[in-house]
Amino acid sequence: MIYLILVGGAAYSDISSKLALQQFDLNGDGFFNGNEITSEQKTAMTNVISDTSSTLVIFTGLIFSGMISVLIFITGKIYEYIKLKKGSA
């Protein structure tokens, strides 16, 4: 679940950045020219170009979600062990 949340969040961010950029394509040809290039368009283009999180989250998400899952598993086992000890005492 943690991995899906990470990847889903990155995909949502990537898609919304691209949609924001496409709002500046007034003639719908996929290219930006003339009056389509504004400071806001340049900012949106920079956001799309410099966004590496959506590409790298596939790999870093595995590592991060794996570490979180192991911590949750160990915490659960410790809690279970303590609960068993209290029940038998």
C-alpha atoms as a PDB file:
ATOM      1  CA  MET A   1       0.000   0.000   0.000  1.00  0.00           C
ATOM      2  CA  ILE A   2       2.792   2.425   0.874  1.00  0.00           C
ATOM      3  CA  TYR A   3       4.417   1.837  -2.513  1.00  0.00           C
ATOM      4  CA  LEU A   4       1.143   2.405  -4.351  1.00  0.00           C
ATOM      5  CA  ILE A   5       0.557   5.643  -2.457  1.00  0.00           C
ATOM      6  CA  LEU A   6       4.038   6.903  -3.348  1.00  0.00           C
ATOM      7  CA  VAL A   7       3.788   5.965  -7.020  1.00  0.00           C
ATOM      8  CA  GLY A   8       0.211   7.235  -7.270  1.00  0.00           C
ATOM      9  CA  GLY A   9       1.153  10.566  -5.730  1.00  0.00           C
ATOM     10  CA  ALA A  10       4.057  10.999  -8.120  1.00  0.00           C
ATOM     11  CA  ALA A  11       1.881  10.061 -11.108  1.00  0.00           C
ATOM     12  CA  TYR A  12      -0.770  12.567 -10.020  1.00  0.00           C
ATOM     13  CA  SER A  13       1.864  15.292  -9.657  1.00  0.00           C
ATOM     14  CA  ASP A  14       3.323  14.494 -13.070  1.00  0.00           C
ATOM     15  CA  ILE A  15      -0.042  14.497 -14.837  1.00  0.00           C
ATOM     16  CA  SER A  16      -1.203  17.724 -13.192  1.00  0.00           C
ATOM     17  CA  SER A  17       2.077  19.460 -14.145  1.00  0.00           C
ATOM     18  CA  LYS A  18       1.688  18.377 -17.762  1.00  0.00           C
ATOM     19  CA  LEU A  19      -1.953  19.472 -17.846  1.00  0.00           C
ATOM     20  CA  ALA A  20      -0.990  22.864 -16.424  1.00  0.00           C
ATOM     21  CA  LEU A  21       1.604  23.213 -19.180  1.00  0.00           C
ATOM     22  CA  GLN A  22      -0.868  22.227 -21.902  1.00  0.00           C
ATOM     23  CA  GLN A  23      -3.127  25.125 -20.925  1.00  0.00           C
ATOM     24  CA  PHE A  24      -0.567  27.419 -22.562  1.00  0.00           C
ATOM     25  CA  ASP A  25      -0.779  25.589 -25.921  1.00  0.00           C
ATOM     26  CA  LEU A  26      -3.433  27.847 -27.418  1.00  0.00           C
ATOM     27  CA  ASN A  27      -3.549  26.355 -30.924  1.00  0.00           C
ATOM     28  CA  GLY A  28      -3.258  22.733 -29.737  1.00  0.00           C
ATOM     29  CA  ASP A  29      -0.328  21.772 -31.949  1.00  0.00           C
ATOM     30  CA  GLY A  30       1.892  20.564 -29.082  1.00  0.00           C
ATOM     31  CA  PHE A  31       4.488  23.286 -29.651  1.00  0.00           C
ATOM     32  CA  PHE A  32       4.893  26.640 -27.935  1.00  0.00           C
ATOM     33  CA  ASN A  33       5.555  29.638 -30.147  1.00  0.00           C
ATOM     34  CA  GLY A  34       4.875  33.341 -30.353  1.00  0.00           C
ATOM     35  CA  ASN A  35       2.245  34.541 -27.929  1.00  0.00           C
ATOM     36  CA  GLU A  36       2.065  31.160 -26.162  1.00  0.00           C
ATOM     37  CA  ILE A  37       5.436  31.714 -24.496  1.00  0.00           C
ATOM     38  CA  THR A  38       4.956  33.730 -21.324  1.00  0.00           C
ATOM     39  CA  SER A  39       6.664  33.812 -17.957  1.00  0.00           C
ATOM     40  CA  GLU A  40       3.938  31.527 -16.566  1.00  0.00           C
ATOM     41  CA  GLN A  41       4.486  29.081 -19.439  1.00  0.00           C
ATOM     42  CA  LYS A  42       8.221  29.089 -18.778  1.00  0.00           C
ATOM     43  CA  THR A  43       7.563  28.331 -15.099  1.00  0.00           C
ATOM     44  CA  ALA A  44       5.206  25.483 -16.013  1.00  0.00           C
ATOM     45  CA  MET A  45       7.751  24.144 -18.519  1.00  0.00           C
ATOM     46  CA  THR A  46      10.488  24.235 -15.883  1.00  0.00           C
ATOM     47  CA  ASN A  47       8.245  22.302 -13.484  1.00  0.00           C
ATOM     48  CA  VAL A  48       7.657  19.586 -16.079  1.00  0.00           C
ATOM     49  CA  ILE A  49      11.274  19.383 -17.228  1.00  0.00           C
ATOM     50  CA  SER A  50      12.884  19.370 -13.772  1.00  0.00           C
ATOM     51  CA  ASP A  51      10.466  16.860 -12.216  1.00  0.00           C
ATOM     52  CA  THR A  52      12.521  13.708 -11.718  1.00  0.00           C
ATOM     53  CA  SER A  53      10.441  12.406  -8.817  1.00  0.00           C
ATOM     54  CA  SER A  54       7.886  10.769 -11.084  1.00  0.00           C
ATOM     55  CA  THR A  55      10.646   8.871 -12.869  1.00  0.00           C
ATOM     56  CA  LEU A  56      12.684   7.870  -9.843  1.00  0.00           C
ATOM     57  CA  VAL A  57       9.830   7.065  -7.445  1.00  0.00           C
ATOM     58  CA  ILE A  58       9.574   3.581  -8.963  1.00  0.00           C
ATOM     59  CA  PHE A  59      12.981   2.761  -7.518  1.00  0.00           C
ATOM     60  CA  THR A  60      13.161   4.970  -4.441  1.00  0.00           C
ATOM     61  CA  GLY A  61       9.597   4.041  -3.555  1.00  0.00           C
ATOM     62  CA  LEU A  62      10.573   0.381  -3.346  1.00  0.00           C
ATOM     63  CA  ILE A  63      13.390   1.166  -0.942  1.00  0.00           C
ATOM     64  CA  PHE A  64      11.380   3.593   1.191  1.00  0.00           C
ATOM     65  CA  SER A  65       8.233   1.467   1.354  1.00  0.00           C
ATOM     66  CA  GLY A  66      10.343  -1.606   2.093  1.00  0.00           C
ATOM     67  CA  MET A  67      11.997   0.101   5.040  1.00  0.00           C
ATOM     68  CA  ILE A  68       8.660   1.357   6.396  1.00  0.00           C
ATOM     69  CA  SER A  69       7.077  -2.087   5.968  1.00  0.00           C
ATOM     70  CA  VAL A  70       9.941  -3.784   7.823  1.00  0.00           C
ATOM     71  CA  LEU A  71       9.638  -1.272  10.676  1.00  0.00           C
ATOM     72  CA  ILE A  72       5.877  -1.855  10.911  1.00  0.00           C
ATOM     73  CA  PHE A  73       6.400  -5.623  10.838  1.00  0.00           C
ATOM     74  CA  ILE A  74       9.044  -5.525  13.597  1.00  0.00           C
ATOM     75  CA  THR A  75       6.899  -3.201  15.724  1.00  0.00           C
ATOM     76  CA  GLY A  76       3.950  -5.565  15.318  1.00  0.00           C
ATOM     77  CA  LYS A  77       6.034  -8.567  16.326  1.00  0.00           C
ATOM     78  CA  ILE A  78       7.363  -6.758  19.408  1.00  0.00           C
ATOM     79  CA  TYR A  79       3.826  -5.737  20.375  1.00  0.00           C
ATOM     80  CA  GLU A  80       2.633  -9.318  19.878  1.00  0.00           C
ATOM     81  CA  TYR A  81       5.499 -10.659  21.996  1.00  0.00           C
ATOM     82  CA  ILE A  82       4.774  -8.190  24.825  1.00  0.00           C
ATOM     83  CA  LYS A  83       1.069  -8.996  24.687  1.00  0.00           C
ATOM     84  CA  LEU A  84       1.788 -12.753  24.942  1.00  0.00           C
ATOM     85  CA  LYS A  85       4.132 -12.201  27.902  1.00  0.00           C
ATOM     86  CA  LYS A  86       1.524 -10.143  29.769  1.00  0.00           C
ATOM     87  CA  GLY A  87      -1.151 -12.736  29.053  1.00  0.00           C
ATOM     88  CA  SER A  88       0.901 -15.644  30.423  1.00  0.00           C
ATOM     89  CA  ALA A  89       2.058 -13.785  33.556  1.00  0.00           C
END
